[in-house]
Amino acid sequence: MVANSRPVLAFEDREYTLAELDALTSGMAAALAARGVTAGDRVVLMSSNRPEFVIALRAIWRVGAAVVLVSSGWKRAEVAHALALTNPVLGVGDAPLLAELLPTLHLDEPIIPGAGVWPAAPPDADALFVFSSGTTGMPKAVRHKHAGFAAAVRHWRTALGLTAEDRMQIMTPPSHILGLLNIATILDTGAWMRLHPRFDIDRMLTHIQDDRITIEMAVAPIALAIAAHPDLERYDLSSLRYIMWCATPVTRSVAEAVTDRVGVQWVSAYGASELPVIACCPIGDARLDTVGRPVPGVQVRIAADGEIQVRSPSAMVGYLPEGDTGAAFDDGWYRTGDIGNLDEEGWLRITDRLKEMVKVRGFQVAPAEVEAVLHGHPAVTDCAVFGVPDGADGEAVIAAVTVAEPVAEQELIDLVGERLSSYKRPRRVIVVDAIPRLPSGKVLRRVLRDEFVRR
């Protein structure tokens, strides 16, 4: 166990010891209890990347409540949907929008350090709700128990080879499962982390050098920014054990360019909001044409249709609305919606996706959610949304529309941007003569995607 006097978290010019975090957590837990939060309640946390996020997360759990993680980039309709789905008793955060919709404890309010003994939450109690879009509309809430999320932390710690001597920095949003999992695993291990309010490539490289970061996380835009940096060799990155590529498939040319320039090796991993850790390349044996091998404690099988299915103690309990849960499992195996293969040596490869979700920078975009906004424009008579490969973001959102009268492409893009998060905004909107559909009415998105790519 790490000593309480050892720094475990840094933000800008301040460091926090575990003892300081515990005292602030107890103080915020007391504030939550004073506002009527009790065990079994749900509390929305809508926060930027800051130390108070970590304190609030732990405080909500300390009083026995479940945390509902909402992106600070969400718009009113998205947040209102999340509140209606999860029925929280209180909000905690720094987003003005949340306070407009729910009584909220603002994270800028002073936290009075406290003490006290709080009973541990039962393993089968709800711990966490994160959001994952499906193909039929607004985001679904993914429900995790304490026991399941603790298993995910153990699996991630094993996959990373993480020890108390490791040092990481967090630039991914804390409301996303990757950012949350990194934070929780670092605290569980007694390692050290630096939080950043936003991604900045020069700041990231400077802190790898100055903080002697040992493990760096990179989604595709971060990896591309590293590879494209004109002065990459100027930074001392020798402290890095590896860079972990997450959320999107590895672009080998990008990874190899970084390795050639500064000698840093890459590791790839595979997970989902519903099952946070599925596979990872063993440290020191990365094969970037795969997503690695299933981590210990996780079982993977390939169904008859080629779908990757997973069974693990870290799997979600289910969705809200509950009616969406049944289709997510096949006799206890979580259906990833990804198509792939598992070779004789246990290496897992993803080749396609059954589900129609578009994955942008690791975030899932439901076509139906964007289509609902576009259908609201008086000029749009029909529409369909699909994804195309994009080197920076993994995939780009493209919308095809039929129109009753001319309408500017940018007007439709801006309409989505006004209603939904920025990563859901279409990169392009194209006008077509008709939306191809089956007799059942199902959109043939692959036809649209293939035609767009051929343009």
Protein backbone atom coordinates (compact mmCIF):
# COMPACT_ATOMS: atom_id res chain seq x y z
CA MET A 1 0.00 0.00 0.00
CA VAL A 2 1.32 3.42 -0.92
CA ALA A 3 2.06 5.82 1.92
CA ASN A 4 -0.62 8.48 2.44
CA SER A 5 2.02 11.22 2.32
CA ARG A 6 3.12 10.31 -1.20
CA PRO A 7 1.78 12.51 -4.03
CA VAL A 8 -0.66 10.64 -6.26
CA LEU A 9 -2.28 13.40 -8.32
CA ALA A 10 -1.07 16.60 -9.96
CA PHE A 11 -2.96 19.40 -11.66
CA GLU A 12 -1.18 22.46 -12.95
CA ASP A 13 1.14 23.58 -10.11
CA ARG A 14 -0.47 21.58 -7.29
CA GLU A 15 0.08 18.01 -6.11
CA TYR A 16 -2.26 16.02 -3.86
CA THR A 17 -1.27 13.24 -1.51
CA LEU A 18 -3.57 10.31 -0.91
CA ALA A 19 -4.23 11.66 2.59
CA GLU A 20 -5.33 15.01 1.13
CA LEU A 21 -7.60 13.32 -1.40
CA ASP A 22 -9.14 11.19 1.35
CA ALA A 23 -9.82 14.22 3.55
CA LEU A 24 -11.37 16.18 0.68
CA THR A 25 -13.39 13.11 -0.33
CA SER A 26 -14.77 12.78 3.20
CA GLY A 27 -15.59 16.48 3.22
CA MET A 28 -17.50 16.28 -0.03
CA ALA A 29 -19.22 13.07 1.10
CA ALA A 30 -20.47 14.96 4.15
CA ALA A 31 -21.73 17.76 1.88
CA LEU A 32 -23.56 15.23 -0.27
CA ALA A 33 -25.11 13.59 2.79
CA ALA A 34 -26.19 17.02 4.06
CA ARG A 35 -28.06 17.48 0.78
CA GLY A 36 -29.91 14.23 1.35
CA VAL A 37 -27.88 11.79 -0.76
CA THR A 38 -28.03 8.28 0.70
CA ALA A 39 -26.93 4.78 -0.26
CA GLY A 40 -28.63 3.56 -3.40
CA ASP A 41 -29.25 7.02 -4.83
CA ARG A 42 -27.91 8.17 -8.18
CA VAL A 43 -25.85 11.36 -8.58
CA VAL A 44 -24.95 12.94 -11.93
CA LEU A 45 -21.33 14.02 -12.33
CA MET A 46 -20.80 16.45 -15.22
CA SER A 47 -17.31 17.85 -14.94
CA SER A 48 -14.25 18.90 -16.87
CA ASN A 49 -10.96 17.12 -16.20
CA ARG A 50 -9.91 18.49 -12.80
CA PRO A 51 -9.00 17.18 -9.32
CA GLU A 52 -12.50 17.86 -8.04
CA PHE A 53 -13.80 15.28 -10.51
CA VAL A 54 -11.72 12.62 -8.75
CA ILE A 55 -12.84 13.85 -5.34
CA ALA A 56 -16.50 13.93 -6.35
CA LEU A 57 -16.34 10.46 -7.91
CA ARG A 58 -14.92 8.98 -4.71
CA ALA A 59 -17.32 10.97 -2.51
CA ILE A 60 -20.39 9.73 -4.36
CA TRP A 61 -19.17 6.17 -3.91
CA ARG A 62 -18.28 6.85 -0.27
CA VAL A 63 -21.89 7.68 0.62
CA GLY A 64 -23.02 4.52 -1.19
CA ALA A 65 -24.56 6.27 -4.19
CA ALA A 66 -24.02 5.46 -7.87
CA VAL A 67 -22.36 7.98 -10.17
CA VAL A 68 -23.96 8.89 -13.51
CA LEU A 69 -21.21 10.21 -15.77
CA VAL A 70 -22.33 12.83 -18.28
CA SER A 71 -20.03 14.48 -20.79
CA SER A 72 -19.35 18.15 -20.13
CA GLY A 73 -19.67 18.65 -23.90
CA TRP A 74 -23.26 17.45 -24.09
CA LYS A 75 -26.09 19.77 -25.08
CA ARG A 76 -29.43 20.28 -23.29
CA ALA A 77 -31.39 17.52 -25.07
CA GLU A 78 -28.67 14.96 -24.38
CA VAL A 79 -28.37 15.88 -20.70
CA ALA A 80 -32.14 15.98 -20.23
CA HIS A 81 -32.37 12.50 -21.77
CA ALA A 82 -29.69 11.19 -19.38
CA LEU A 83 -31.51 12.64 -16.37
CA ALA A 84 -34.85 11.19 -17.42
CA LEU A 85 -33.24 7.77 -17.95
CA THR A 86 -31.36 7.56 -14.64
CA ASN A 87 -33.55 9.68 -12.29
CA PRO A 88 -30.71 11.18 -10.18
CA VAL A 89 -31.33 12.99 -6.89
CA LEU A 90 -28.55 15.56 -7.30
CA GLY A 91 -26.02 16.91 -9.75
CA VAL A 92 -22.34 17.57 -9.11
CA GLY A 93 -20.15 19.41 -11.60
CA ASP A 94 -18.97 22.61 -13.21
CA ALA A 95 -21.30 22.82 -16.24
CA PRO A 96 -23.90 25.63 -16.01
CA LEU A 97 -26.32 23.54 -18.06
CA LEU A 98 -26.52 20.87 -15.34
CA ALA A 99 -27.56 23.43 -12.72
CA GLU A 100 -30.37 24.56 -15.02
CA LEU A 101 -31.84 21.06 -15.08
CA LEU A 102 -31.14 19.69 -11.60
CA PRO A 103 -30.18 20.91 -8.10
CA THR A 104 -26.38 20.89 -8.31
CA LEU A 105 -23.35 21.06 -6.06
CA HIS A 106 -20.85 23.17 -8.03
CA LEU A 107 -17.26 21.98 -7.97
CA ASP A 108 -16.00 25.55 -7.52
CA GLU A 109 -17.59 25.61 -4.06
CA PRO A 110 -14.95 25.22 -1.31
CA ILE A 111 -14.51 21.68 -0.02
CA ILE A 112 -13.98 21.50 3.72
CA PRO A 113 -11.69 18.54 4.49
CA GLY A 114 -13.33 15.99 6.75
CA ALA A 115 -12.96 12.60 8.34
CA GLY A 116 -15.23 9.78 9.32
CA VAL A 117 -15.98 6.15 8.71
CA TRP A 118 -18.30 5.24 5.88
CA PRO A 119 -19.51 1.69 5.28
CA ALA A 120 -18.19 0.11 2.10
CA ALA A 121 -20.74 -0.24 -0.67
CA PRO A 122 -21.87 -3.86 -1.21
CA PRO A 123 -20.25 -5.51 -4.26
CA ASP A 124 -23.65 -5.98 -5.88
CA ALA A 125 -24.64 -2.31 -5.50
CA ASP A 126 -24.75 -0.04 -8.53
CA ALA A 127 -21.50 1.88 -8.92
CA LEU A 128 -21.55 3.53 -12.28
CA PHE A 129 -23.62 4.58 -15.26
CA VAL A 130 -21.81 5.62 -18.44
CA PHE A 131 -23.42 6.26 -21.81
CA SER A 132 -23.11 4.29 -25.01
CA SER A 133 -25.10 5.04 -28.14
CA GLY A 134 -27.03 2.30 -29.89
CA THR A 135 -28.45 2.32 -33.40
CA THR A 136 -32.01 3.26 -32.48
CA GLY A 137 -31.83 6.73 -30.93
CA MET A 138 -30.54 8.58 -27.90
CA PRO A 139 -27.68 7.19 -25.76
CA LYS A 140 -28.27 4.23 -23.46
CA ALA A 141 -27.02 4.15 -19.88
CA VAL A 142 -24.53 1.33 -19.27
CA ARG A 143 -24.93 -0.01 -15.73
CA HIS A 144 -21.96 -1.39 -13.77
CA LYS A 145 -21.93 -2.87 -10.26
CA HIS A 146 -19.05 -2.24 -7.84
CA ALA A 147 -17.86 -5.83 -8.22
CA GLY A 148 -17.85 -5.59 -12.00
CA PHE A 149 -16.00 -2.28 -12.15
CA ALA A 150 -13.47 -3.55 -9.59
CA ALA A 151 -12.84 -6.51 -11.90
CA ALA A 152 -12.29 -4.11 -14.81
CA VAL A 153 -9.72 -2.21 -12.73
CA ARG A 154 -7.90 -5.46 -11.92
CA HIS A 155 -7.90 -6.48 -15.58
CA TRP A 156 -6.59 -3.08 -16.72
CA ARG A 157 -3.88 -3.08 -14.06
CA THR A 158 -2.75 -6.50 -15.29
CA ALA A 159 -2.94 -5.51 -18.96
CA LEU A 160 -0.85 -2.38 -18.40
CA GLY A 161 1.65 -4.08 -16.12
CA LEU A 162 0.98 -1.10 -13.84
CA THR A 163 2.89 -0.67 -10.56
CA ALA A 164 3.10 2.02 -7.91
CA GLU A 165 6.21 3.34 -9.64
CA ASP A 166 4.37 4.22 -12.85
CA ARG A 167 3.43 7.75 -13.82
CA MET A 168 0.67 8.68 -16.28
CA GLN A 169 -1.16 11.73 -17.52
CA ILE A 170 -4.88 11.94 -18.30
CA MET A 171 -6.03 14.03 -21.23
CA THR A 172 -9.07 12.00 -22.29
CA PRO A 173 -12.50 13.07 -20.94
CA PRO A 174 -13.21 11.59 -17.50
CA SER A 175 -16.80 10.83 -18.49
CA HIS A 176 -15.52 8.35 -21.10
CA ILE A 177 -14.82 4.82 -19.88
CA LEU A 178 -11.12 5.06 -20.82
CA GLY A 179 -10.45 8.22 -18.82
CA LEU A 180 -12.42 6.91 -15.85
CA LEU A 181 -10.73 3.50 -15.94
CA ASN A 182 -7.27 5.09 -16.04
CA ILE A 183 -8.04 7.30 -13.04
CA ALA A 184 -9.52 4.45 -10.99
CA THR A 185 -6.70 2.04 -11.83
CA ILE A 186 -3.97 4.55 -10.97
CA LEU A 187 -5.56 5.23 -7.58
CA ASP A 188 -6.04 1.52 -6.93
CA THR A 189 -2.38 0.84 -7.74
CA GLY A 190 -0.95 3.80 -5.86
CA ALA A 191 0.69 5.15 -9.01
CA TRP A 192 0.90 8.86 -9.94
CA MET A 193 -1.14 10.85 -12.45
CA ARG A 194 -1.34 14.33 -13.87
CA LEU A 195 -4.71 15.63 -15.03
CA HIS A 196 -4.94 18.08 -17.93
CA PRO A 197 -8.03 20.19 -18.64
CA ARG A 198 -7.67 19.53 -22.39
CA PHE A 199 -5.37 17.98 -24.95
CA ASP A 200 -2.37 20.02 -26.04
CA ILE A 201 0.44 18.21 -27.85
CA ASP A 202 3.28 20.45 -26.65
CA ARG A 203 2.06 20.33 -23.05
CA MET A 204 1.76 16.55 -23.28
CA LEU A 205 5.30 16.10 -24.60
CA THR A 206 6.71 18.59 -22.08
CA HIS A 207 5.17 16.72 -19.18
CA ILE A 208 6.33 13.33 -20.44
CA GLN A 209 9.81 14.82 -20.23
CA ASP A 210 9.50 16.83 -17.01
CA ASP A 211 7.26 14.47 -15.02
CA ARG A 212 9.08 11.36 -16.29
CA ILE A 213 5.84 9.78 -17.49
CA THR A 214 6.17 6.01 -17.90
CA ILE A 215 2.90 5.13 -19.71
CA GLU A 216 1.16 7.37 -22.22
CA MET A 217 -2.38 6.87 -23.55
CA ALA A 218 -3.17 7.83 -27.13
CA VAL A 219 -6.37 7.73 -29.14
CA ALA A 220 -5.92 8.30 -32.88
CA PRO A 221 -5.84 12.13 -32.89
CA ILE A 222 -3.19 12.13 -30.16
CA ALA A 223 -1.11 9.51 -31.99
CA LEU A 224 -1.28 11.54 -35.21
CA ALA A 225 -0.27 14.70 -33.36
CA ILE A 226 2.76 12.94 -31.90
CA ALA A 227 3.84 11.55 -35.26
CA ALA A 228 3.37 14.90 -37.02
CA HIS A 229 5.18 17.01 -34.43
CA PRO A 230 8.10 18.70 -36.21
CA ASP A 231 10.23 18.89 -33.05
CA LEU A 232 9.45 15.49 -31.55
CA GLU A 233 13.12 14.59 -31.25
CA ARG A 234 13.71 17.66 -29.10
CA TYR A 235 11.79 16.10 -26.19
CA ASP A 236 13.29 13.52 -23.86
CA LEU A 237 10.77 10.67 -23.95
CA SER A 238 13.13 8.06 -22.57
CA SER A 239 11.03 7.55 -19.42
CA LEU A 240 8.19 5.98 -21.45
CA ARG A 241 7.83 2.22 -21.18
CA TYR A 242 5.31 2.33 -24.03
CA ILE A 243 2.45 4.31 -25.56
CA MET A 244 -0.96 2.61 -25.38
CA TRP A 245 -3.15 3.01 -28.50
CA CYS A 246 -6.83 2.82 -27.50
CA ALA A 247 -10.36 3.38 -28.82
CA THR A 248 -9.61 3.09 -32.57
CA PRO A 249 -7.63 0.61 -34.70
CA VAL A 250 -3.90 1.20 -34.80
CA THR A 251 -2.56 3.00 -37.87
CA ARG A 252 0.71 1.11 -38.22
CA SER A 253 2.44 3.75 -40.33
CA VAL A 254 1.80 6.36 -37.64
CA ALA A 255 2.95 4.14 -34.79
CA GLU A 256 6.06 3.03 -36.66
CA ALA A 257 6.95 6.63 -37.56
CA VAL A 258 7.01 7.56 -33.86
CA THR A 259 9.06 4.49 -32.97
CA ASP A 260 11.54 5.26 -35.74
CA ARG A 261 11.94 8.85 -34.59
CA VAL A 262 12.19 8.46 -30.81
CA GLY A 263 12.37 4.74 -30.12
CA VAL A 264 9.15 4.46 -28.11
CA GLN A 265 7.19 1.21 -28.52
CA TRP A 266 3.41 0.93 -28.84
CA VAL A 267 0.85 -1.39 -27.26
CA SER A 268 -2.76 -1.80 -28.47
CA ALA A 269 -5.83 -2.61 -26.41
CA TYR A 270 -9.52 -3.32 -26.97
CA GLY A 271 -12.51 -2.61 -24.77
CA ALA A 272 -15.99 -1.09 -24.64
CA SER A 273 -18.14 0.93 -22.27
CA GLU A 274 -20.12 -2.27 -21.66
CA LEU A 275 -17.01 -4.38 -20.99
CA PRO A 276 -14.04 -2.07 -20.34
CA VAL A 277 -11.14 -4.49 -20.86
CA ILE A 278 -11.29 -7.24 -23.47
CA ALA A 279 -7.84 -7.73 -24.99
CA CYS A 280 -4.40 -6.15 -24.87
CA CYS A 281 -1.02 -6.82 -26.42
CA PRO A 282 1.34 -8.31 -23.84
CA ILE A 283 3.90 -5.73 -22.76
CA GLY A 284 7.02 -6.19 -24.89
CA ASP A 285 5.19 -8.30 -27.50
CA ALA A 286 3.01 -5.83 -29.36
CA ARG A 287 1.64 -6.90 -32.72
CA LEU A 288 -0.01 -3.81 -34.12
CA ASP A 289 -2.09 -5.74 -36.65
CA THR A 290 -4.11 -7.11 -33.71
CA VAL A 291 -5.85 -5.80 -30.59
CA GLY A 292 -3.84 -8.25 -28.51
CA ARG A 293 -4.84 -11.31 -26.55
CA PRO A 294 -7.76 -11.61 -24.13
CA VAL A 295 -6.59 -10.48 -20.70
CA PRO A 296 -6.59 -13.05 -17.86
CA GLY A 297 -10.12 -13.48 -16.55
CA VAL A 298 -11.76 -12.55 -19.86
CA GLN A 299 -13.11 -15.15 -22.30
CA VAL A 300 -13.54 -14.40 -26.01
CA ARG A 301 -15.30 -16.46 -28.64
CA ILE A 302 -16.21 -15.94 -32.29
CA ALA A 303 -19.87 -16.62 -33.07
CA ALA A 304 -21.07 -18.35 -36.21
CA ASP A 305 -21.61 -15.00 -37.95
CA GLY A 306 -18.09 -13.87 -37.05
CA GLU A 307 -19.14 -11.62 -34.19
CA ILE A 308 -16.68 -11.21 -31.29
CA GLN A 309 -18.43 -12.18 -28.07
CA VAL A 310 -17.02 -11.79 -24.57
CA ARG A 311 -17.70 -13.19 -21.11
CA SER A 312 -16.12 -11.51 -18.09
CA PRO A 313 -16.88 -10.54 -14.48
CA SER A 314 -16.31 -6.94 -15.62
CA ALA A 315 -19.27 -6.97 -18.02
CA MET A 316 -22.07 -4.50 -17.47
CA VAL A 317 -25.23 -5.59 -15.68
CA GLY A 318 -27.28 -4.15 -18.50
CA TYR A 319 -28.70 -1.00 -20.02
CA LEU A 320 -31.21 1.63 -19.16
CA PRO A 321 -33.75 1.40 -20.66
CA GLU A 322 -33.77 -2.20 -19.44
CA GLY A 323 -35.53 -3.41 -22.57
CA ASP A 324 -32.31 -2.94 -24.52
CA THR A 325 -30.34 -5.38 -22.34
CA GLY A 326 -31.53 -8.69 -23.74
CA ALA A 327 -30.23 -8.15 -27.25
CA ALA A 328 -26.79 -7.22 -25.89
CA PHE A 329 -26.10 -10.76 -24.62
CA ASP A 330 -26.09 -14.24 -26.09
CA ASP A 331 -26.46 -16.78 -23.28
CA GLY A 332 -24.31 -14.65 -20.95
CA TRP A 333 -21.80 -13.56 -23.60
CA TYR A 334 -21.65 -9.84 -24.39
CA ARG A 335 -22.16 -9.20 -28.08
CA THR A 336 -19.58 -6.61 -29.12
CA GLY A 337 -21.04 -6.02 -32.57
CA ASP A 338 -17.52 -6.32 -33.99
CA ILE A 339 -16.55 -8.95 -36.54
CA GLY A 340 -13.16 -10.61 -36.17
CA ASN A 341 -11.10 -13.72 -35.71
CA LEU A 342 -9.06 -15.35 -32.97
CA ASP A 343 -6.03 -17.31 -34.14
CA GLU A 344 -4.55 -20.45 -32.57
CA GLU A 345 -2.10 -18.41 -30.48
CA GLY A 346 -4.88 -16.29 -29.03
CA TRP A 347 -4.32 -13.08 -31.03
CA LEU A 348 -7.58 -11.24 -31.67
CA ARG A 349 -8.18 -9.24 -34.84
CA ILE A 350 -11.12 -6.99 -35.70
CA THR A 351 -12.12 -6.94 -39.35
CA ASP A 352 -15.54 -5.25 -39.45
CA ARG A 353 -18.52 -4.24 -37.36
CA LEU A 354 -22.03 -5.63 -37.21
CA LYS A 355 -23.46 -2.64 -35.43
CA GLU A 356 -24.07 0.55 -37.32
CA MET A 357 -22.56 2.90 -34.76
CA VAL A 358 -19.97 5.36 -36.02
CA LYS A 359 -16.93 5.54 -33.74
CA VAL A 360 -15.34 9.00 -33.60
CA ARG A 361 -12.23 9.37 -31.41
CA GLY A 362 -13.46 6.44 -29.34
CA PHE A 363 -16.97 7.90 -28.87
CA GLN A 364 -19.93 6.08 -30.32
CA VAL A 365 -22.35 8.04 -32.50
CA ALA A 366 -25.82 6.60 -33.15
CA PRO A 367 -26.89 7.36 -36.73
CA ALA A 368 -30.53 7.59 -35.63
CA GLU A 369 -29.71 10.37 -33.17
CA VAL A 370 -28.15 12.55 -35.87
CA GLU A 371 -30.89 11.62 -38.34
CA ALA A 372 -33.56 12.80 -35.90
CA VAL A 373 -32.00 16.27 -35.89
CA LEU A 374 -31.67 16.41 -39.68
CA HIS A 375 -35.28 15.29 -40.14
CA GLY A 376 -36.29 18.39 -38.20
CA HIS A 377 -35.09 20.69 -40.99
CA PRO A 378 -37.98 21.70 -43.27
CA ALA A 379 -35.96 21.10 -46.45
CA VAL A 380 -34.95 17.52 -45.56
CA THR A 381 -37.34 14.83 -46.79
CA ASP A 382 -35.22 11.78 -45.90
CA CYS A 383 -31.74 11.13 -44.55
CA ALA A 384 -29.27 8.48 -43.45
CA VAL A 385 -26.06 8.76 -41.47
CA PHE A 386 -23.02 6.50 -41.80
CA GLY A 387 -19.32 6.44 -41.05
CA VAL A 388 -16.27 6.35 -43.29
CA PRO A 389 -12.67 5.63 -42.28
CA ASP A 390 -10.73 8.67 -41.12
CA GLY A 391 -7.06 8.63 -40.21
CA ALA A 392 -7.38 11.24 -37.46
CA ASP A 393 -10.65 10.31 -35.77
CA GLY A 394 -11.06 6.62 -36.60
CA GLU A 395 -14.26 7.38 -38.49
CA ALA A 396 -15.98 10.50 -39.79
CA VAL A 397 -19.74 11.07 -39.64
CA ILE A 398 -21.30 11.52 -43.09
CA ALA A 399 -24.96 12.34 -43.74
CA ALA A 400 -26.86 11.68 -46.96
CA VAL A 401 -30.08 13.66 -47.43
CA THR A 402 -32.88 14.05 -49.91
CA VAL A 403 -34.33 17.55 -50.04
CA ALA A 404 -37.51 19.29 -51.14
CA GLU A 405 -35.64 22.52 -51.84
CA PRO A 406 -31.99 23.61 -51.98
CA VAL A 407 -30.26 23.92 -48.61
CA ALA A 408 -26.64 24.75 -47.81
CA GLU A 409 -24.50 21.88 -46.55
CA GLN A 410 -23.06 24.03 -43.75
CA GLU A 411 -26.56 24.93 -42.55
CA LEU A 412 -27.34 21.26 -41.92
CA ILE A 413 -23.94 20.63 -40.30
CA ASP A 414 -24.48 23.62 -38.00
CA LEU A 415 -27.99 22.41 -37.12
CA VAL A 416 -26.57 19.15 -35.75
CA GLY A 417 -23.78 21.07 -33.98
CA GLU A 418 -26.37 23.21 -32.20
CA ARG A 419 -28.32 20.22 -30.91
CA LEU A 420 -25.68 17.54 -30.28
CA SER A 421 -22.08 17.16 -29.12
CA SER A 422 -19.34 18.31 -31.46
CA TYR A 423 -18.12 14.77 -32.22
CA LYS A 424 -21.59 13.91 -33.57
CA ARG A 425 -21.54 16.74 -36.12
CA PRO A 426 -21.30 15.45 -39.72
CA ARG A 427 -18.03 16.03 -41.54
CA ARG A 428 -20.00 16.18 -44.80
CA VAL A 429 -23.64 16.33 -45.86
CA ILE A 430 -24.33 15.09 -49.38
CA VAL A 431 -27.55 15.37 -51.35
CA VAL A 432 -28.73 12.15 -53.02
CA ASP A 433 -31.71 11.26 -55.19
CA ALA A 434 -32.98 8.60 -52.78
CA ILE A 435 -31.96 6.83 -49.58
CA PRO A 436 -31.45 3.11 -50.42
CA ARG A 437 -33.57 0.88 -48.20
CA LEU A 438 -34.69 -2.72 -47.90
CA PRO A 439 -38.40 -3.49 -48.28
CA SER A 440 -38.55 -3.47 -44.50
CA GLY A 441 -37.43 0.15 -44.52
CA LYS A 442 -33.96 -0.57 -43.15
CA VAL A 443 -31.37 1.83 -44.56
CA LEU A 444 -28.59 0.25 -46.63
CA ARG A 445 -25.81 2.28 -45.04
CA ARG A 446 -23.10 0.17 -46.60
CA VAL A 447 -24.36 1.12 -50.07
CA LEU A 448 -24.17 4.80 -49.15
CA ARG A 449 -20.75 4.38 -47.60
CA ASP A 450 -19.37 2.55 -50.65
CA GLU A 451 -20.76 5.18 -53.03
CA PHE A 452 -19.30 7.99 -50.94
CA VAL A 453 -15.85 6.38 -50.82
CA ARG A 454 -15.90 5.96 -54.63
CA ARG A 455 -16.61 9.66 -55.19
